[in-house]
């Protein structure tokens, strides 16, 4: 599957290619983060974008589904440095923002 909808590049963080793409095996949904400051969800069976999540102010460094598949976690980089929580069911962002420590 080719992820053509992001305007920014899906850039591996420190060479870790699995940081910016993650698969929810419960529902065959892939989540990706990129330089366009968005998190996108993809239907792997159809090869189509399902949704775009907005809220980061710099490129998205990493994305993950929770173990139960109910929550999406995303972290920003640069000026952002926030850990954000998204409901996988409603795609709504939690009001909780956790500042990340700057990495050297």
C-alpha atoms as a PDB file:
ATOM      1  CA  UNK A   1       0.000   0.000   0.000  1.00  0.00           C
ATOM      2  CA  UNK A   2       1.340   3.422  -0.922  1.00  0.00           C
ATOM      3  CA  UNK A   3       0.513   6.320   1.439  1.00  0.00           C
ATOM      4  CA  UNK A   4       0.050   9.194  -0.989  1.00  0.00           C
ATOM      5  CA  UNK A   5      -2.225  11.470   1.016  1.00  0.00           C
ATOM      6  CA  UNK A   6       0.338  13.048   3.369  1.00  0.00           C
ATOM      7  CA  UNK A   7       1.695  16.370   2.141  1.00  0.00           C
ATOM      8  CA  UNK A   8       4.843  15.972   4.214  1.00  0.00           C
ATOM      9  CA  UNK A   9       7.261  13.101   4.207  1.00  0.00           C
ATOM     10  CA  UNK A  10       6.822  10.113   6.480  1.00  0.00           C
ATOM     11  CA  UNK A  11      10.267  10.417   8.017  1.00  0.00           C
ATOM     12  CA  UNK A  12      11.775   7.722  10.231  1.00  0.00           C
ATOM     13  CA  UNK A  13      12.795   9.139  13.611  1.00  0.00           C
ATOM     14  CA  UNK A  14      16.491   8.424  14.188  1.00  0.00           C
ATOM     15  CA  UNK A  15      16.334   5.696  11.583  1.00  0.00           C
ATOM     16  CA  UNK A  16      13.510   3.801  13.319  1.00  0.00           C
ATOM     17  CA  UNK A  17      11.176   3.171  10.411  1.00  0.00           C
ATOM     18  CA  UNK A  18       8.472   1.644  12.612  1.00  0.00           C
ATOM     19  CA  UNK A  19       7.978   4.851  14.628  1.00  0.00           C
ATOM     20  CA  UNK A  20       5.829   6.752  12.111  1.00  0.00           C
ATOM     21  CA  UNK A  21       3.641   3.846  10.943  1.00  0.00           C
ATOM     22  CA  UNK A  22       1.705   1.394  13.134  1.00  0.00           C
ATOM     23  CA  UNK A  23      -0.906  -1.297  12.398  1.00  0.00           C
ATOM     24  CA  UNK A  24      -4.027  -1.998  14.479  1.00  0.00           C
ATOM     25  CA  UNK A  25      -4.404  -5.733  13.981  1.00  0.00           C
ATOM     26  CA  UNK A  26      -7.879  -5.695  15.574  1.00  0.00           C
ATOM     27  CA  UNK A  27      -9.423  -3.789  12.665  1.00  0.00           C
ATOM     28  CA  UNK A  28      -6.753  -3.833   9.919  1.00  0.00           C
ATOM     29  CA  UNK A  29      -6.280  -0.091  10.291  1.00  0.00           C
ATOM     30  CA  UNK A  30      -2.872   1.484   9.727  1.00  0.00           C
ATOM     31  CA  UNK A  31      -1.957   4.791  11.372  1.00  0.00           C
ATOM     32  CA  UNK A  32       0.765   7.087  10.043  1.00  0.00           C
ATOM     33  CA  UNK A  33       2.294  10.399  11.046  1.00  0.00           C
ATOM     34  CA  UNK A  34       4.279  12.773   8.863  1.00  0.00           C
ATOM     35  CA  UNK A  35       5.859  16.149   8.277  1.00  0.00           C
ATOM     36  CA  UNK A  36       2.517  17.699   7.362  1.00  0.00           C
ATOM     37  CA  UNK A  37       1.650  17.701  11.108  1.00  0.00           C
ATOM     38  CA  UNK A  38      -1.147  15.156  10.631  1.00  0.00           C
ATOM     39  CA  UNK A  39      -1.978  11.650  11.779  1.00  0.00           C
ATOM     40  CA  UNK A  40      -3.787   9.576   9.164  1.00  0.00           C
ATOM     41  CA  UNK A  41      -5.724   6.324   9.397  1.00  0.00           C
ATOM     42  CA  UNK A  42      -5.809   3.877   6.508  1.00  0.00           C
ATOM     43  CA  UNK A  43      -8.032   0.885   5.694  1.00  0.00           C
ATOM     44  CA  UNK A  44      -5.506  -1.788   4.722  1.00  0.00           C
ATOM     45  CA  UNK A  45      -8.109  -3.968   2.978  1.00  0.00           C
ATOM     46  CA  UNK A  46      -9.213  -1.138   0.677  1.00  0.00           C
ATOM     47  CA  UNK A  47      -5.891   0.676   0.531  1.00  0.00           C
ATOM     48  CA  UNK A  48      -7.701   3.933   1.237  1.00  0.00           C
ATOM     49  CA  UNK A  49      -7.380   6.803   3.698  1.00  0.00           C
ATOM     50  CA  UNK A  50     -10.075   6.680   6.380  1.00  0.00           C
ATOM     51  CA  UNK A  51      -9.437   9.859   8.381  1.00  0.00           C
ATOM     52  CA  UNK A  52      -7.015  12.689   9.075  1.00  0.00           C
ATOM     53  CA  UNK A  53      -6.354  13.862  12.642  1.00  0.00           C
ATOM     54  CA  UNK A  54      -5.143  17.425  13.214  1.00  0.00           C
ATOM     55  CA  UNK A  55      -3.565  18.923  16.307  1.00  0.00           C
ATOM     56  CA  UNK A  56       0.208  18.787  16.094  1.00  0.00           C
ATOM     57  CA  UNK A  57       2.141  21.993  15.453  1.00  0.00           C
ATOM     58  CA  UNK A  58       5.252  20.349  13.997  1.00  0.00           C
ATOM     59  CA  UNK A  59       5.928  17.064  12.255  1.00  0.00           C
ATOM     60  CA  UNK A  60       4.636  13.886  13.860  1.00  0.00           C
ATOM     61  CA  UNK A  61       7.542  11.869  15.213  1.00  0.00           C
ATOM     62  CA  UNK A  62       5.789   8.643  16.251  1.00  0.00           C
ATOM     63  CA  UNK A  63       2.358   6.991  16.268  1.00  0.00           C
ATOM     64  CA  UNK A  64       1.058   3.908  18.071  1.00  0.00           C
ATOM     65  CA  UNK A  65      -2.168   2.101  18.802  1.00  0.00           C
ATOM     66  CA  UNK A  66      -2.758   1.039  22.396  1.00  0.00           C
ATOM     67  CA  UNK A  67      -2.576  -2.709  23.024  1.00  0.00           C
ATOM     68  CA  UNK A  68      -6.388  -2.986  22.997  1.00  0.00           C
ATOM     69  CA  UNK A  69      -6.630  -0.859  19.843  1.00  0.00           C
ATOM     70  CA  UNK A  70      -8.931   1.717  21.448  1.00  0.00           C
ATOM     71  CA  UNK A  71      -6.485   4.620  21.653  1.00  0.00           C
ATOM     72  CA  UNK A  72      -4.049   6.196  19.213  1.00  0.00           C
ATOM     73  CA  UNK A  73      -0.967   7.879  20.643  1.00  0.00           C
ATOM     74  CA  UNK A  74       1.017  10.430  18.650  1.00  0.00           C
ATOM     75  CA  UNK A  75       4.036  12.526  19.494  1.00  0.00           C
ATOM     76  CA  UNK A  76       5.183  15.726  17.873  1.00  0.00           C
ATOM     77  CA  UNK A  77       8.697  16.928  17.289  1.00  0.00           C
ATOM     78  CA  UNK A  78      10.453  20.272  16.974  1.00  0.00           C
ATOM     79  CA  UNK A  79       8.311  22.992  18.529  1.00  0.00           C
ATOM     80  CA  UNK A  80       5.515  20.535  19.345  1.00  0.00           C
ATOM     81  CA  UNK A  81       6.924  17.932  21.802  1.00  0.00           C
ATOM     82  CA  UNK A  82       3.425  16.838  22.865  1.00  0.00           C
ATOM     83  CA  UNK A  83       2.069  13.362  23.449  1.00  0.00           C
ATOM     84  CA  UNK A  84      -1.532  13.306  22.247  1.00  0.00           C
ATOM     85  CA  UNK A  85      -4.272  10.747  22.827  1.00  0.00           C
ATOM     86  CA  UNK A  86      -7.023  10.028  20.276  1.00  0.00           C
ATOM     87  CA  UNK A  87     -10.057   7.770  20.590  1.00  0.00           C
ATOM     88  CA  UNK A  88      -9.844   5.150  17.833  1.00  0.00           C
ATOM     89  CA  UNK A  89     -13.666   4.860  17.874  1.00  0.00           C
ATOM     90  CA  UNK A  90     -14.601   8.552  17.681  1.00  0.00           C
ATOM     91  CA  UNK A  91     -11.300  10.000  16.366  1.00  0.00           C
ATOM     92  CA  UNK A  92     -11.608  12.759  18.962  1.00  0.00           C
ATOM     93  CA  UNK A  93      -8.484  14.075  20.636  1.00  0.00           C
ATOM     94  CA  UNK A  94      -8.322  13.957  24.400  1.00  0.00           C
ATOM     95  CA  UNK A  95      -7.910  17.277  26.183  1.00  0.00           C
ATOM     96  CA  UNK A  96      -4.896  15.779  27.922  1.00  0.00           C
ATOM     97  CA  UNK A  97      -1.607  16.982  26.477  1.00  0.00           C
ATOM     98  CA  UNK A  98       1.588  15.727  28.019  1.00  0.00           C
ATOM     99  CA  UNK A  99       4.744  17.733  27.275  1.00  0.00           C
ATOM    100  CA  UNK A 100       7.580  15.500  26.158  1.00  0.00           C
ATOM    101  CA  UNK A 101      11.128  16.058  27.278  1.00  0.00           C
ATOM    102  CA  UNK A 102      13.349  17.461  24.579  1.00  0.00           C
ATOM    103  CA  UNK A 103      15.700  14.865  23.156  1.00  0.00           C
ATOM    104  CA  UNK A 104      19.373  15.687  22.738  1.00  0.00           C
END
